[in-house]
N, C-alpha and C. Protein backbone atom coordinates (compact mmCIF):
# COMPACT_ATOMS: atom_id res chain seq x y z
N MET A 1 -103.32 10.40 19.91
CA MET A 1 -104.17 9.99 21.30
C MET A 1 -105.23 9.36 21.72
N ILE A 2 -104.73 9.08 23.08
CA ILE A 2 -105.03 7.60 23.47
C ILE A 2 -106.13 8.02 24.32
N ARG A 3 -107.72 7.30 24.53
CA ARG A 3 -108.79 7.89 25.40
C ARG A 3 -109.86 6.63 25.64
N GLN A 4 -109.04 6.07 26.32
CA GLN A 4 -109.80 4.67 25.99
C GLN A 4 -110.88 4.12 27.25
N LEU A 5 -110.06 5.26 28.69
CA LEU A 5 -111.11 4.92 29.87
C LEU A 5 -111.26 6.14 30.19
N ALA A 6 -112.93 6.09 30.40
CA ALA A 6 -114.17 7.05 30.37
C ALA A 6 -114.06 7.07 32.69
N PHE A 7 -114.11 7.98 33.30
CA PHE A 7 -114.24 8.06 34.23
C PHE A 7 -115.12 8.96 34.61
N ASP A 8 -115.61 8.76 36.04
CA ASP A 8 -117.11 10.04 36.03
C ASP A 8 -115.77 10.83 37.42
N LEU A 9 -115.77 11.28 37.19
CA LEU A 9 -114.69 11.71 38.40
C LEU A 9 -115.75 13.85 37.68
N PRO A 10 -115.85 14.96 39.15
CA PRO A 10 -115.98 15.80 39.50
C PRO A 10 -115.16 16.62 38.47
N ALA A 11 -115.75 17.35 38.05
CA ALA A 11 -114.60 18.62 37.15
C ALA A 11 -114.59 19.18 38.83
N ARG A 12 -113.33 20.13 38.66
CA ARG A 12 -112.87 20.93 39.33
C ARG A 12 -114.00 22.62 38.47
N GLN A 13 -114.48 23.60 39.52
CA GLN A 13 -114.64 24.24 39.12
C GLN A 13 -114.03 25.99 39.56
N ALA A 14 -113.00 26.28 38.47
CA ALA A 14 -112.73 27.33 38.90
C ALA A 14 -112.98 28.47 38.96
N PHE A 15 -112.91 29.60 39.93
CA PHE A 15 -113.69 31.24 40.35
C PHE A 15 -112.33 31.89 39.79
N ARG A 16 -111.39 31.71 39.66
CA ARG A 16 -109.59 32.19 39.11
C ARG A 16 -109.87 33.63 38.31
N ARG A 17 -109.82 34.68 37.82
CA ARG A 17 -109.82 36.00 37.72
C ARG A 17 -109.78 35.70 36.47
N GLU A 18 -108.41 35.09 35.89
CA GLU A 18 -107.98 34.77 34.24
C GLU A 18 -109.47 33.73 34.04
N ASP A 19 -109.95 33.29 34.94
CA ASP A 19 -110.93 31.90 34.37
C ASP A 19 -112.50 33.05 33.87
N PHE A 20 -112.96 34.06 34.15
CA PHE A 20 -113.48 34.72 34.20
C PHE A 20 -113.55 35.56 32.47
N PHE A 21 -114.57 35.55 31.92
CA PHE A 21 -114.47 36.47 30.06
C PHE A 21 -115.50 37.51 30.80
N VAL A 22 -115.07 38.18 30.34
CA VAL A 22 -115.60 39.14 29.82
C VAL A 22 -116.50 39.58 29.24
N SER A 23 -117.38 40.38 28.95
CA SER A 23 -118.33 40.35 27.08
C SER A 23 -119.35 41.31 28.07
N PRO A 24 -119.95 41.93 26.82
CA PRO A 24 -121.12 43.00 27.32
C PRO A 24 -121.98 42.83 28.19
N ALA A 25 -122.32 41.19 27.98
CA ALA A 25 -123.07 40.49 29.51
C ALA A 25 -122.11 41.03 30.90
N ASN A 26 -121.36 41.13 30.94
CA ASN A 26 -121.37 41.34 32.55
C ASN A 26 -120.22 42.14 32.96
N ALA A 27 -119.91 43.27 31.43
CA ALA A 27 -118.73 43.51 32.45
C ALA A 27 -119.59 45.02 32.94
N GLN A 28 -120.20 44.97 33.57
CA GLN A 28 -120.81 46.78 34.11
C GLN A 28 -120.46 45.40 35.50
N ALA A 29 -121.53 44.35 35.43
CA ALA A 29 -121.39 43.75 36.82
C ALA A 29 -119.68 43.55 37.32
N LEU A 30 -118.91 43.22 35.90
CA LEU A 30 -117.16 42.92 37.00
C LEU A 30 -116.76 44.59 37.47
N ALA A 31 -117.74 45.75 36.61
CA ALA A 31 -116.48 46.82 37.23
C ALA A 31 -117.38 47.26 38.44
N ALA A 32 -118.64 47.47 39.16
CA ALA A 32 -119.05 47.04 40.13
C ALA A 32 -118.36 46.46 41.32
N MET A 33 -118.07 45.27 40.81
CA MET A 33 -117.11 44.68 42.30
C MET A 33 -116.21 44.69 42.23
N ASP A 34 -115.49 45.82 40.95
CA ASP A 34 -114.06 46.18 41.28
C ASP A 34 -113.46 47.36 41.96
N GLY A 35 -115.46 48.08 41.95
CA GLY A 35 -115.03 48.98 42.67
C GLY A 35 -116.05 49.47 44.49
N TRP A 36 -116.13 48.26 44.43
CA TRP A 36 -116.96 47.50 45.56
C TRP A 36 -116.28 48.58 47.17
N LYS A 37 -115.35 49.34 47.45
CA LYS A 37 -114.90 50.16 47.75
C LYS A 37 -115.54 51.19 48.20
N ASP A 38 -116.09 51.87 47.12
CA ASP A 38 -117.21 52.72 46.73
C ASP A 38 -118.75 52.76 46.65
N TRP A 39 -119.00 51.57 47.21
CA TRP A 39 -120.71 51.57 47.43
C TRP A 39 -121.38 51.67 47.97
N PRO A 40 -122.21 52.75 47.86
CA PRO A 40 -122.93 53.27 48.47
C PRO A 40 -123.85 52.49 49.64
N GLY A 41 -123.85 53.21 51.21
CA GLY A 41 -124.09 52.81 51.98
C GLY A 41 -124.03 51.21 52.21
N GLY A 42 -122.27 51.03 51.99
CA GLY A 42 -121.95 49.37 51.60
C GLY A 42 -122.27 47.73 51.18
N LYS A 43 -123.40 48.51 50.38
CA LYS A 43 -123.88 46.85 49.80
C LYS A 43 -124.39 46.89 48.67
N MET A 44 -124.31 46.12 47.94
CA MET A 44 -124.52 46.30 46.13
C MET A 44 -125.30 44.31 45.96
N LEU A 45 -125.87 44.72 45.19
CA LEU A 45 -126.93 43.82 44.76
C LEU A 45 -127.11 43.47 42.88
N LEU A 46 -126.64 41.85 43.46
CA LEU A 46 -126.18 41.25 41.50
C LEU A 46 -126.84 40.65 41.27
N ILE A 47 -127.54 40.76 40.56
CA ILE A 47 -129.33 40.23 39.69
C ILE A 47 -128.42 40.17 38.14
N GLY A 48 -128.82 38.37 37.94
CA GLY A 48 -128.53 38.49 36.74
C GLY A 48 -129.52 36.33 37.15
N PRO A 49 -129.74 35.67 35.90
CA PRO A 49 -130.20 34.38 35.71
C PRO A 49 -129.49 33.64 36.27
N ARG A 50 -129.68 32.37 36.62
CA ARG A 50 -129.18 30.95 37.20
C ARG A 50 -128.08 31.24 35.81
N GLY A 51 -126.94 30.46 36.12
CA GLY A 51 -125.68 30.09 35.43
C GLY A 51 -125.04 31.60 35.15
N SER A 52 -125.75 32.04 35.45
CA SER A 52 -125.66 33.71 33.99
C SER A 52 -123.33 34.16 34.82
N GLY A 53 -123.21 33.33 36.27
CA GLY A 53 -121.84 33.83 36.18
C GLY A 53 -122.09 34.57 37.04
N LYS A 54 -122.77 35.06 38.38
CA LYS A 54 -122.71 35.59 39.73
C LYS A 54 -121.97 34.71 40.69
N THR A 55 -122.31 33.67 40.93
CA THR A 55 -121.01 33.01 41.53
C THR A 55 -119.53 32.82 41.44
N HIS A 56 -119.46 32.98 40.65
CA HIS A 56 -118.36 33.38 39.94
C HIS A 56 -117.59 34.68 40.34
N LEU A 57 -118.50 35.92 39.57
CA LEU A 57 -118.20 37.39 40.46
C LEU A 57 -118.70 37.05 41.42
N ALA A 58 -119.19 36.78 42.67
CA ALA A 58 -119.26 36.40 43.87
C ALA A 58 -117.75 36.48 44.58
N ARG A 59 -117.47 35.25 43.94
CA ARG A 59 -116.20 34.62 44.91
C ARG A 59 -114.44 35.36 44.47
N LEU A 60 -114.94 36.62 43.04
CA LEU A 60 -113.68 37.15 42.85
C LEU A 60 -113.74 38.33 43.74
N TRP A 61 -115.32 39.24 44.25
CA TRP A 61 -115.05 39.65 45.50
C TRP A 61 -114.27 39.33 46.95
N ALA A 62 -115.17 38.47 46.85
CA ALA A 62 -114.64 37.41 47.88
C ALA A 62 -112.78 37.64 48.05
N SER A 63 -112.02 37.86 46.78
CA SER A 63 -110.79 36.70 47.36
C SER A 63 -110.32 38.02 47.60
N GLU A 64 -110.87 39.41 46.56
CA GLU A 64 -110.65 40.81 46.49
C GLU A 64 -110.75 41.28 48.20
N SER A 65 -112.71 41.30 48.46
CA SER A 65 -112.57 41.52 50.00
C SER A 65 -112.23 41.29 51.00
N GLY A 66 -111.63 39.71 51.20
CA GLY A 66 -111.40 39.17 52.45
C GLY A 66 -113.24 38.41 52.96
N ALA A 67 -113.94 38.30 52.09
CA ALA A 67 -115.58 38.54 52.59
C ALA A 67 -116.03 37.30 52.25
N VAL A 68 -116.69 36.34 53.53
CA VAL A 68 -117.10 34.73 53.35
C VAL A 68 -118.52 34.92 52.78
N CYS A 69 -119.01 34.53 52.41
CA CYS A 69 -120.07 34.06 51.20
C CYS A 69 -120.55 32.51 51.99
N LEU A 70 -122.45 32.95 52.17
CA LEU A 70 -123.12 32.60 52.58
C LEU A 70 -123.77 31.82 51.94
N PRO A 71 -124.57 31.23 51.53
CA PRO A 71 -126.56 30.75 51.12
C PRO A 71 -127.49 31.60 51.76
N ALA A 72 -127.61 31.76 51.40
CA ALA A 72 -129.20 32.69 52.60
C ALA A 72 -129.73 31.31 52.43
N ALA A 73 -129.97 30.73 52.53
CA ALA A 73 -130.86 29.03 53.65
C ALA A 73 -130.26 29.15 54.63
N ASP A 74 -128.96 29.93 54.90
CA ASP A 74 -128.46 29.24 55.98
C ASP A 74 -128.32 30.38 57.01
N LEU A 75 -128.86 31.48 57.10
CA LEU A 75 -128.80 32.43 57.80
C LEU A 75 -129.36 32.05 58.65
N ALA A 76 -130.65 31.70 58.82
CA ALA A 76 -130.70 31.34 59.94
C ALA A 76 -130.57 30.76 60.96
N ASN A 77 -129.77 30.01 60.67
CA ASN A 77 -128.68 29.02 61.64
C ASN A 77 -126.91 29.76 62.03
N ALA A 78 -127.21 31.16 61.65
CA ALA A 78 -125.93 31.21 61.11
C ALA A 78 -125.17 32.47 62.58
N ASP A 79 -124.16 32.30 62.66
CA ASP A 79 -123.00 33.10 64.00
C ASP A 79 -123.42 34.59 63.10
N LEU A 80 -124.33 35.70 63.29
CA LEU A 80 -123.96 36.67 62.69
C LEU A 80 -123.16 37.60 63.34
N PRO A 81 -123.06 37.86 64.70
CA PRO A 81 -122.11 38.83 65.10
C PRO A 81 -120.30 38.01 64.29
N ALA A 82 -120.41 37.02 64.39
CA ALA A 82 -119.10 36.52 63.93
C ALA A 82 -119.07 36.67 62.66
N LEU A 83 -120.24 36.51 61.69
CA LEU A 83 -120.21 36.45 60.40
C LEU A 83 -119.82 38.26 59.82
N SER A 84 -120.54 39.32 60.38
CA SER A 84 -120.40 40.58 60.51
C SER A 84 -118.86 41.05 60.95
N ALA A 85 -118.33 39.87 62.04
CA ALA A 85 -117.01 40.85 62.28
C ALA A 85 -115.70 40.55 61.20
N LYS A 86 -116.17 39.88 59.90
CA LYS A 86 -115.64 39.32 58.41
C LYS A 86 -115.74 40.78 57.80
N GLY A 87 -116.52 41.91 58.37
CA GLY A 87 -116.36 42.95 57.46
C GLY A 87 -116.84 42.99 56.26
N ALA A 88 -116.96 41.67 55.11
CA ALA A 88 -117.11 42.14 54.19
C ALA A 88 -117.88 40.44 54.06
N VAL A 89 -119.33 40.51 53.35
CA VAL A 89 -120.28 39.11 53.36
C VAL A 89 -120.82 39.32 52.18
N ALA A 90 -120.85 38.01 51.72
CA ALA A 90 -121.80 37.88 50.23
C ALA A 90 -122.84 36.67 50.44
N ILE A 91 -124.15 37.18 50.55
CA ILE A 91 -125.00 36.27 50.53
C ILE A 91 -125.99 35.59 49.47
N GLU A 92 -125.52 34.80 49.23
CA GLU A 92 -125.96 34.34 47.83
C GLU A 92 -127.48 33.35 47.35
N ASP A 93 -127.81 33.94 46.43
CA ASP A 93 -129.57 33.50 46.76
C ASP A 93 -130.30 33.54 47.21
N ALA A 94 -130.55 34.93 47.60
CA ALA A 94 -130.88 35.54 48.81
C ALA A 94 -132.48 35.86 48.77
N GLU A 95 -132.94 35.95 46.99
CA GLU A 95 -134.73 35.75 46.87
C GLU A 95 -135.40 34.19 47.95
N THR A 96 -134.13 33.25 48.32
CA THR A 96 -134.52 32.15 48.51
C THR A 96 -135.15 32.56 49.83
N THR A 97 -134.34 33.56 50.86
CA THR A 97 -134.58 34.23 52.05
C THR A 97 -136.56 34.50 52.13
N ALA A 98 -137.21 34.71 50.78
CA ALA A 98 -138.45 35.40 51.34
C ALA A 98 -139.58 33.79 52.08
N GLY A 99 -140.35 35.02 52.87
CA GLY A 99 -141.74 33.89 52.99
C GLY A 99 -140.76 32.99 54.13
N GLN A 100 -140.19 32.78 54.40
CA GLN A 100 -138.96 32.89 55.47
C GLN A 100 -138.61 33.24 56.91
N PRO A 101 -139.67 33.79 58.26
CA PRO A 101 -140.00 34.34 58.49
C PRO A 101 -138.34 34.68 59.78
N ALA A 102 -137.96 33.44 60.35
CA ALA A 102 -136.38 33.35 60.87
C ALA A 102 -135.43 34.01 59.68
N THR A 103 -135.27 33.53 58.37
CA THR A 103 -134.23 33.34 57.91
C THR A 103 -134.58 35.42 57.59
N GLU A 104 -135.52 35.57 57.16
CA GLU A 104 -135.67 37.36 57.03
C GLU A 104 -134.58 37.99 58.12
N ALA A 105 -135.59 37.30 59.50
CA ALA A 105 -135.05 38.32 59.98
C ALA A 105 -133.42 37.96 60.40
N ALA A 106 -132.75 37.32 60.71
CA ALA A 106 -131.70 36.91 59.86
C ALA A 106 -131.10 38.11 59.13
N PHE A 107 -131.10 38.10 57.81
CA PHE A 107 -130.74 38.25 56.73
C PHE A 107 -130.89 40.34 57.40
N PHE A 108 -132.19 40.83 57.92
CA PHE A 108 -132.64 42.19 58.13
C PHE A 108 -131.16 42.30 59.10
N HIS A 109 -131.38 41.30 60.43
CA HIS A 109 -129.95 42.23 61.19
C HIS A 109 -128.48 42.03 60.64
N LEU A 110 -128.20 40.74 59.96
CA LEU A 110 -127.11 41.04 59.39
C LEU A 110 -126.30 42.09 58.28
N HIS A 111 -127.81 42.21 57.82
CA HIS A 111 -127.36 43.23 57.00
C HIS A 111 -126.81 44.98 57.92
N ASN A 112 -127.76 44.91 58.68
CA ASN A 112 -127.84 45.84 59.61
C ASN A 112 -126.75 46.02 60.51
N LEU A 113 -125.85 44.58 60.87
CA LEU A 113 -124.73 44.73 61.41
C LEU A 113 -123.33 44.85 60.38
N VAL A 114 -123.38 44.11 59.18
CA VAL A 114 -122.28 44.22 57.88
C VAL A 114 -121.75 45.97 57.77
N THR A 115 -123.25 46.53 57.15
CA THR A 115 -123.06 47.89 56.71
C THR A 115 -122.96 48.96 58.01
N GLN A 116 -123.16 48.72 58.85
CA GLN A 116 -122.49 49.67 59.64
C GLN A 116 -121.21 50.67 59.33
N SER A 117 -119.97 49.56 59.05
CA SER A 117 -118.92 49.89 58.40
C SER A 117 -118.37 49.08 57.98
N GLY A 118 -118.83 48.27 57.29
CA GLY A 118 -118.19 46.90 56.52
C GLY A 118 -119.11 46.99 55.13
N HIS A 119 -119.20 46.04 54.63
CA HIS A 119 -119.51 45.87 52.77
C HIS A 119 -120.58 44.78 52.72
N LEU A 120 -121.29 44.32 51.93
CA LEU A 120 -122.63 43.40 51.84
C LEU A 120 -122.64 42.92 50.74
N LEU A 121 -122.78 42.03 50.11
CA LEU A 121 -123.01 42.01 48.59
C LEU A 121 -123.94 40.83 48.53
N VAL A 122 -125.40 40.99 48.25
CA VAL A 122 -127.10 40.64 47.85
C VAL A 122 -126.67 39.38 46.37
N THR A 123 -126.52 38.32 46.05
CA THR A 123 -126.63 38.02 45.04
C THR A 123 -128.48 36.76 44.84
N ALA A 124 -128.98 37.98 43.19
CA ALA A 124 -130.75 36.65 43.29
C ALA A 124 -130.64 37.13 41.71
N ALA A 125 -131.58 36.16 41.59
CA ALA A 125 -131.79 36.20 40.66
C ALA A 125 -133.21 36.99 39.59
N THR A 126 -133.74 38.00 40.52
CA THR A 126 -134.41 39.31 39.89
C THR A 126 -134.54 40.04 41.79
N PRO A 127 -135.11 41.39 40.79
CA PRO A 127 -134.16 42.40 41.66
C PRO A 127 -135.96 42.22 44.01
N PRO A 128 -135.40 42.40 44.33
CA PRO A 128 -135.85 42.29 46.23
C PRO A 128 -137.37 42.79 45.77
N ARG A 129 -137.79 43.89 44.81
CA ARG A 129 -139.15 43.41 44.88
C ARG A 129 -140.56 42.62 44.35
N ASP A 130 -139.22 41.74 43.82
CA ASP A 130 -140.12 40.62 42.96
C ASP A 130 -139.67 39.15 43.56
N TRP A 131 -139.69 39.41 45.07
CA TRP A 131 -139.03 38.13 46.25
C TRP A 131 -140.50 37.53 46.98
N GLY A 132 -140.97 38.18 46.99
CA GLY A 132 -142.06 38.23 47.98
C GLY A 132 -141.94 38.33 49.63
N LEU A 133 -140.36 39.00 50.31
CA LEU A 133 -140.13 39.56 51.38
C LEU A 133 -141.60 39.89 52.36
N THR A 134 -141.24 39.25 53.35
CA THR A 134 -142.69 40.03 54.82
C THR A 134 -142.28 40.44 55.28
N LEU A 135 -141.44 40.45 55.81
CA LEU A 135 -140.75 42.05 56.82
C LEU A 135 -140.37 43.04 56.06
N PRO A 136 -141.10 44.53 56.29
CA PRO A 136 -141.41 45.34 54.98
C PRO A 136 -139.66 46.03 55.88
N ASP A 137 -138.69 46.32 56.83
CA ASP A 137 -137.68 46.72 56.73
C ASP A 137 -136.87 45.66 56.01
N LEU A 138 -136.30 44.60 55.76
CA LEU A 138 -135.45 43.90 55.10
C LEU A 138 -136.18 44.31 53.42
N ALA A 139 -137.53 44.60 53.53
CA ALA A 139 -137.76 44.83 51.91
C ALA A 139 -137.16 46.46 51.65
N SER A 140 -137.35 47.55 52.59
CA SER A 140 -136.94 48.46 51.67
C SER A 140 -135.39 48.89 52.34
N ARG A 141 -134.11 48.05 53.25
CA ARG A 141 -133.64 48.24 53.04
C ARG A 141 -132.96 47.56 52.10
N LEU A 142 -132.98 46.86 51.33
CA LEU A 142 -133.06 45.97 49.77
C LEU A 142 -133.58 46.79 48.86
N GLN A 143 -134.55 47.00 48.89
CA GLN A 143 -134.94 47.75 47.40
C GLN A 143 -133.95 48.98 47.22
N ALA A 144 -133.68 49.60 48.56
CA ALA A 144 -132.86 51.54 48.40
C ALA A 144 -131.33 50.72 47.81
N ALA A 145 -130.88 49.30 48.44
CA ALA A 145 -129.42 48.77 47.77
C ALA A 145 -129.14 49.12 46.30
N PRO A 146 -128.11 49.77 45.59
CA PRO A 146 -127.98 49.76 44.58
C PRO A 146 -127.87 48.57 43.92
N LEU A 147 -127.76 48.22 42.21
CA LEU A 147 -128.02 47.65 41.63
C LEU A 147 -126.72 47.11 40.61
N THR A 148 -126.60 46.39 40.68
CA THR A 148 -125.81 45.91 39.11
C THR A 148 -126.51 44.70 38.68
N ARG A 149 -126.50 44.79 37.32
CA ARG A 149 -127.06 43.00 36.72
C ARG A 149 -125.54 42.75 35.77
N ILE A 150 -125.81 40.72 35.81
CA ILE A 150 -125.02 40.38 34.74
C ILE A 150 -126.25 39.71 33.85
N ASP A 151 -125.75 39.81 32.27
CA ASP A 151 -126.78 39.24 31.49
C ASP A 151 -126.93 37.94 31.62
N ALA A 152 -127.67 37.28 31.01
CA ALA A 152 -127.30 35.75 30.06
C ALA A 152 -126.14 36.00 29.47
N PRO A 153 -125.16 35.34 28.80
CA PRO A 153 -124.37 35.10 28.23
C PRO A 153 -124.17 35.59 27.05
N ASP A 154 -123.41 35.85 26.16
CA ASP A 154 -123.80 36.36 25.24
C ASP A 154 -123.17 35.36 24.82
N ASP A 155 -123.50 35.36 22.79
CA ASP A 155 -122.36 34.47 22.05
C ASP A 155 -120.93 34.31 22.04
N ALA A 156 -120.45 35.73 22.55
CA ALA A 156 -118.95 35.84 22.24
C ALA A 156 -118.30 35.21 24.03
N LEU A 157 -119.71 35.25 25.13
CA LEU A 157 -118.55 34.66 25.67
C LEU A 157 -118.81 33.42 25.92
N LEU A 158 -120.35 32.47 25.16
CA LEU A 158 -120.15 31.60 25.36
C LEU A 158 -119.48 30.20 25.22
N SER A 159 -118.41 31.11 23.78
CA SER A 159 -118.11 31.04 22.69
C SER A 159 -116.69 30.74 23.63
N ALA A 160 -116.01 31.50 24.48
CA ALA A 160 -115.62 31.86 25.04
C ALA A 160 -115.40 30.77 26.45
N VAL A 161 -116.28 30.36 26.79
CA VAL A 161 -115.95 29.49 27.73
C VAL A 161 -116.07 27.98 26.79
N LEU A 162 -116.53 28.48 26.48
CA LEU A 162 -116.88 26.72 25.86
C LEU A 162 -115.29 26.29 25.06
N ILE A 163 -114.48 27.35 24.39
CA ILE A 163 -113.55 26.73 23.80
C ILE A 163 -112.21 26.66 24.89
N LYS A 164 -112.64 27.17 26.23
CA LYS A 164 -111.63 26.89 27.50
C LYS A 164 -112.58 26.08 28.02
N LEU A 165 -113.33 25.47 28.48
CA LEU A 165 -113.90 23.67 29.10
C LEU A 165 -113.06 22.31 28.12
N PHE A 166 -112.94 22.80 27.00
CA PHE A 166 -112.78 21.82 25.99
C PHE A 166 -111.14 21.63 25.77
N ALA A 167 -110.61 22.94 26.69
CA ALA A 167 -108.83 23.25 26.69
C ALA A 167 -108.71 22.60 28.21
N ASP A 168 -109.13 22.96 28.80
CA ASP A 168 -109.28 21.99 30.58
C ASP A 168 -108.85 21.11 30.05
N ARG A 169 -109.96 20.02 29.53
CA ARG A 169 -110.00 18.98 29.08
C ARG A 169 -109.17 17.85 27.64
N GLN A 170 -108.44 18.48 27.29
CA GLN A 170 -107.53 19.06 26.02
C GLN A 170 -108.07 18.07 25.58
N ILE A 171 -109.48 18.72 24.85
CA ILE A 171 -110.03 18.11 23.93
C ILE A 171 -109.85 19.34 22.99
N VAL A 172 -109.34 18.96 21.28
CA VAL A 172 -108.80 19.76 20.42
C VAL A 172 -110.60 19.67 19.73
N VAL A 173 -110.90 20.72 19.17
CA VAL A 173 -112.43 20.58 18.80
C VAL A 173 -112.15 20.95 17.19
N PRO A 174 -113.25 20.91 16.25
CA PRO A 174 -113.03 21.69 14.83
C PRO A 174 -113.67 23.21 15.27
N PRO A 175 -112.70 24.27 14.12
CA PRO A 175 -113.93 25.36 15.16
C PRO A 175 -115.58 25.34 14.97
N ALA A 176 -115.45 24.81 13.45
CA ALA A 176 -117.19 25.53 13.63
C ALA A 176 -117.94 24.73 14.96
N LEU A 177 -118.13 23.66 15.60
CA LEU A 177 -118.69 23.07 16.55
C LEU A 177 -118.79 24.21 17.13
N ILE A 178 -117.85 25.11 17.78
CA ILE A 178 -118.35 26.64 18.69
C ILE A 178 -119.38 26.75 17.89
N PRO A 179 -119.60 27.68 17.15
CA PRO A 179 -120.65 28.62 16.39
C PRO A 179 -122.02 27.38 16.76
N TYR A 180 -122.28 25.98 16.32
CA TYR A 180 -122.69 25.13 16.19
C TYR A 180 -123.61 24.92 17.25
N LEU A 181 -122.97 24.94 18.84
CA LEU A 181 -123.40 24.31 19.90
C LEU A 181 -123.62 25.61 19.91
N VAL A 182 -123.09 27.24 19.79
CA VAL A 182 -123.33 28.46 20.69
C VAL A 182 -125.41 28.51 20.43
N ALA A 183 -125.94 27.74 19.07
CA ALA A 183 -126.23 27.92 18.58
C ALA A 183 -127.34 26.93 19.15
N ARG A 184 -126.89 25.90 19.39
CA ARG A 184 -128.17 25.03 19.93
C ARG A 184 -128.58 24.80 21.47
N MET A 185 -127.19 25.62 22.85
CA MET A 185 -127.27 24.73 23.93
C MET A 185 -128.55 26.20 24.58
N GLU A 186 -128.55 25.63 25.98
CA GLU A 186 -129.11 26.28 27.37
C GLU A 186 -127.92 27.61 27.36
N ARG A 187 -128.72 29.24 27.01
CA ARG A 187 -127.74 30.35 27.72
C ARG A 187 -127.22 30.68 28.78
N SER A 188 -126.53 29.28 29.53
CA SER A 188 -125.94 29.62 30.23
C SER A 188 -124.46 28.50 30.85
N ILE A 189 -124.47 29.51 31.90
CA ILE A 189 -122.88 28.88 32.06
C ILE A 189 -122.17 27.35 32.45
N ASP A 190 -123.70 27.22 33.39
CA ASP A 190 -123.66 26.04 33.61
C ASP A 190 -124.13 24.53 32.65
N ALA A 191 -124.92 25.34 31.72
CA ALA A 191 -125.32 24.36 30.68
C ALA A 191 -123.71 24.43 29.67
N ALA A 192 -123.09 24.77 29.26
CA ALA A 192 -121.72 24.54 28.67
C ALA A 192 -121.48 23.75 30.33
N ARG A 193 -120.97 23.89 30.96
CA ARG A 193 -120.44 22.90 31.37
C ARG A 193 -120.57 21.92 31.37
N ASP A 194 -121.83 21.33 31.51
CA ASP A 194 -122.14 20.41 31.63
C ASP A 194 -121.92 19.56 30.00
N LEU A 195 -122.39 20.21 29.24
CA LEU A 195 -122.04 20.09 27.68
C LEU A 195 -121.23 19.94 26.88
N VAL A 196 -120.65 20.23 27.45
CA VAL A 196 -118.23 19.28 27.40
C VAL A 196 -118.69 18.00 28.34
N ALA A 197 -118.89 18.04 29.27
CA ALA A 197 -118.10 17.01 29.89
C ALA A 197 -119.40 15.20 28.87
N ARG A 198 -120.32 15.72 28.60
CA ARG A 198 -121.32 14.80 28.05
C ARG A 198 -120.45 15.03 26.49
N LEU A 199 -119.96 15.50 26.55
CA LEU A 199 -119.39 15.32 24.66
C LEU A 199 -118.26 14.53 25.38
N ASP A 200 -117.26 14.92 25.92
CA ASP A 200 -116.62 14.06 26.74
C ASP A 200 -116.76 12.80 26.73
N ALA A 201 -117.77 12.50 27.75
CA ALA A 201 -118.24 11.27 28.03
C ALA A 201 -119.26 10.35 27.05
N HIS A 202 -119.23 10.91 25.62
CA HIS A 202 -119.99 10.00 24.80
C HIS A 202 -118.46 9.83 23.04
N ALA A 203 -117.56 11.05 23.82
CA ALA A 203 -116.65 10.92 22.71
C ALA A 203 -116.28 9.47 23.28
N LEU A 204 -115.60 9.58 24.47
CA LEU A 204 -115.22 8.63 25.11
C LEU A 204 -115.63 6.82 25.09
N ALA A 205 -116.62 6.56 25.04
CA ALA A 205 -117.83 5.46 25.44
C ALA A 205 -117.34 5.05 23.58
N ALA A 206 -117.72 5.89 22.27
CA ALA A 206 -117.97 5.83 21.52
C ALA A 206 -116.39 5.48 20.80
N GLY A 207 -115.44 5.90 21.64
CA GLY A 207 -114.09 6.31 21.10
C GLY A 207 -114.25 6.59 19.15
N ARG A 208 -114.86 7.78 19.39
CA ARG A 208 -114.46 8.79 18.44
C ARG A 208 -114.31 9.96 19.10
N PRO A 209 -113.67 11.21 17.72
CA PRO A 209 -113.33 12.48 18.46
C PRO A 209 -114.31 13.39 18.68
N VAL A 210 -114.67 14.46 19.46
CA VAL A 210 -115.82 15.28 19.68
C VAL A 210 -115.36 16.42 18.19
N THR A 211 -116.77 15.51 17.32
CA THR A 211 -117.17 16.46 16.45
C THR A 211 -118.56 17.33 16.22
N ARG A 212 -118.14 17.81 15.17
CA ARG A 212 -119.90 19.41 14.55
C ARG A 212 -120.93 16.70 14.79
N GLN A 213 -121.00 16.11 13.62
CA GLN A 213 -121.22 15.26 13.50
C GLN A 213 -121.84 14.02 15.38
N LEU A 214 -120.60 14.25 16.32
CA LEU A 214 -121.01 13.95 17.22
C LEU A 214 -121.98 14.46 18.12
N ALA A 215 -121.64 15.88 18.57
CA ALA A 215 -122.16 16.87 19.06
C ALA A 215 -123.96 16.52 18.81
N ALA A 216 -124.61 16.57 17.00
CA ALA A 216 -125.45 16.41 16.35
C ALA A 216 -125.64 15.16 17.22
N ASP A 217 -125.42 14.41 17.25
CA ASP A 217 -126.32 12.36 17.90
C ASP A 217 -126.87 12.53 19.01
N LEU A 218 -125.61 13.14 19.70
CA LEU A 218 -125.82 13.90 20.69
C LEU A 218 -127.03 15.13 21.76
N LEU A 219 -126.90 16.20 20.76
CA LEU A 219 -128.22 16.57 21.01
C LEU A 219 -129.27 16.40 20.24
N ASP A 220 -129.60 15.94 19.32
CA ASP A 220 -130.33 15.07 18.37
C ASP A 220 -131.17 16.66 17.38
N THR A 221 -130.56 17.15 17.39
CA THR A 221 -131.06 18.34 17.05
C THR A 221 -131.21 19.13 15.28
N ALA A 222 -129.89 18.07 14.85
CA ALA A 222 -129.42 18.39 13.61
C ALA A 222 -128.80 17.13 12.99
N PRO A 223 -128.99 17.45 11.30
CA PRO A 223 -128.34 15.96 11.18
C PRO A 223 -127.34 16.05 10.71
N PRO A 224 -126.35 14.54 10.47
CA PRO A 224 -124.88 15.09 10.41
C PRO A 224 -124.08 16.04 9.30
N ASP A 225 -122.85 15.92 10.37
CA ASP A 225 -122.42 17.53 8.91
C ASP A 225 -121.18 15.92 7.90
N PRO A 226 -121.23 15.89 6.77
CA PRO A 226 -120.43 15.11 6.29
C PRO A 226 -119.33 15.98 6.58
N GLN A 227 -118.41 16.93 7.23
CA GLN A 227 -117.46 17.09 6.87
C GLN A 227 -117.16 17.62 8.55
N GLY A 228 -118.28 16.97 9.65
CA GLY A 228 -117.63 17.12 10.64
C GLY A 228 -116.27 17.08 11.01
């Protein structure tokens, strides 16, 4: 296999169903997305730490429901009637609205418009009670909404993601490398994506295969493995 030139190309981030690996960390949240037609009040909060897969789940739900996805920070300048006319809306990183009067007000109005006859998904790192919302009506409506959680990726999920990311780059790695990386990496999907990209670039630059020894050199967390 010849891999001589390294190109710093952005990796395409796929949000397909087949790219979503189910584990105990996210199974309940996935089930909640699949049951979106039965959400109480037509709304659901999806709570989880950064890099846990909230965006992937939101995109899967949007694909299924025909929803439009919007960062919460863009709400103040959004065309709220046009958004609500879609019938389904996902607002991401909703905690960023806290303390922004115009954004909170827009969020409140969009909530009321969408939930009259449509469906609203709200993603955030923490529950609404922890955001510091200053608009009482918005806070009360969100705190009363049903909530599902997606936890930080467990070992099984991180392992599956790493294997898929290496395969996408046509990189064959020794099986022992996966648990080695899982034990030492930040526990997030974003971190897995970044780690695989750095290992690939490092291997290309050094003209070496991706092994445990190369990973140890990159991470500087363990001595080289003689059987790497």
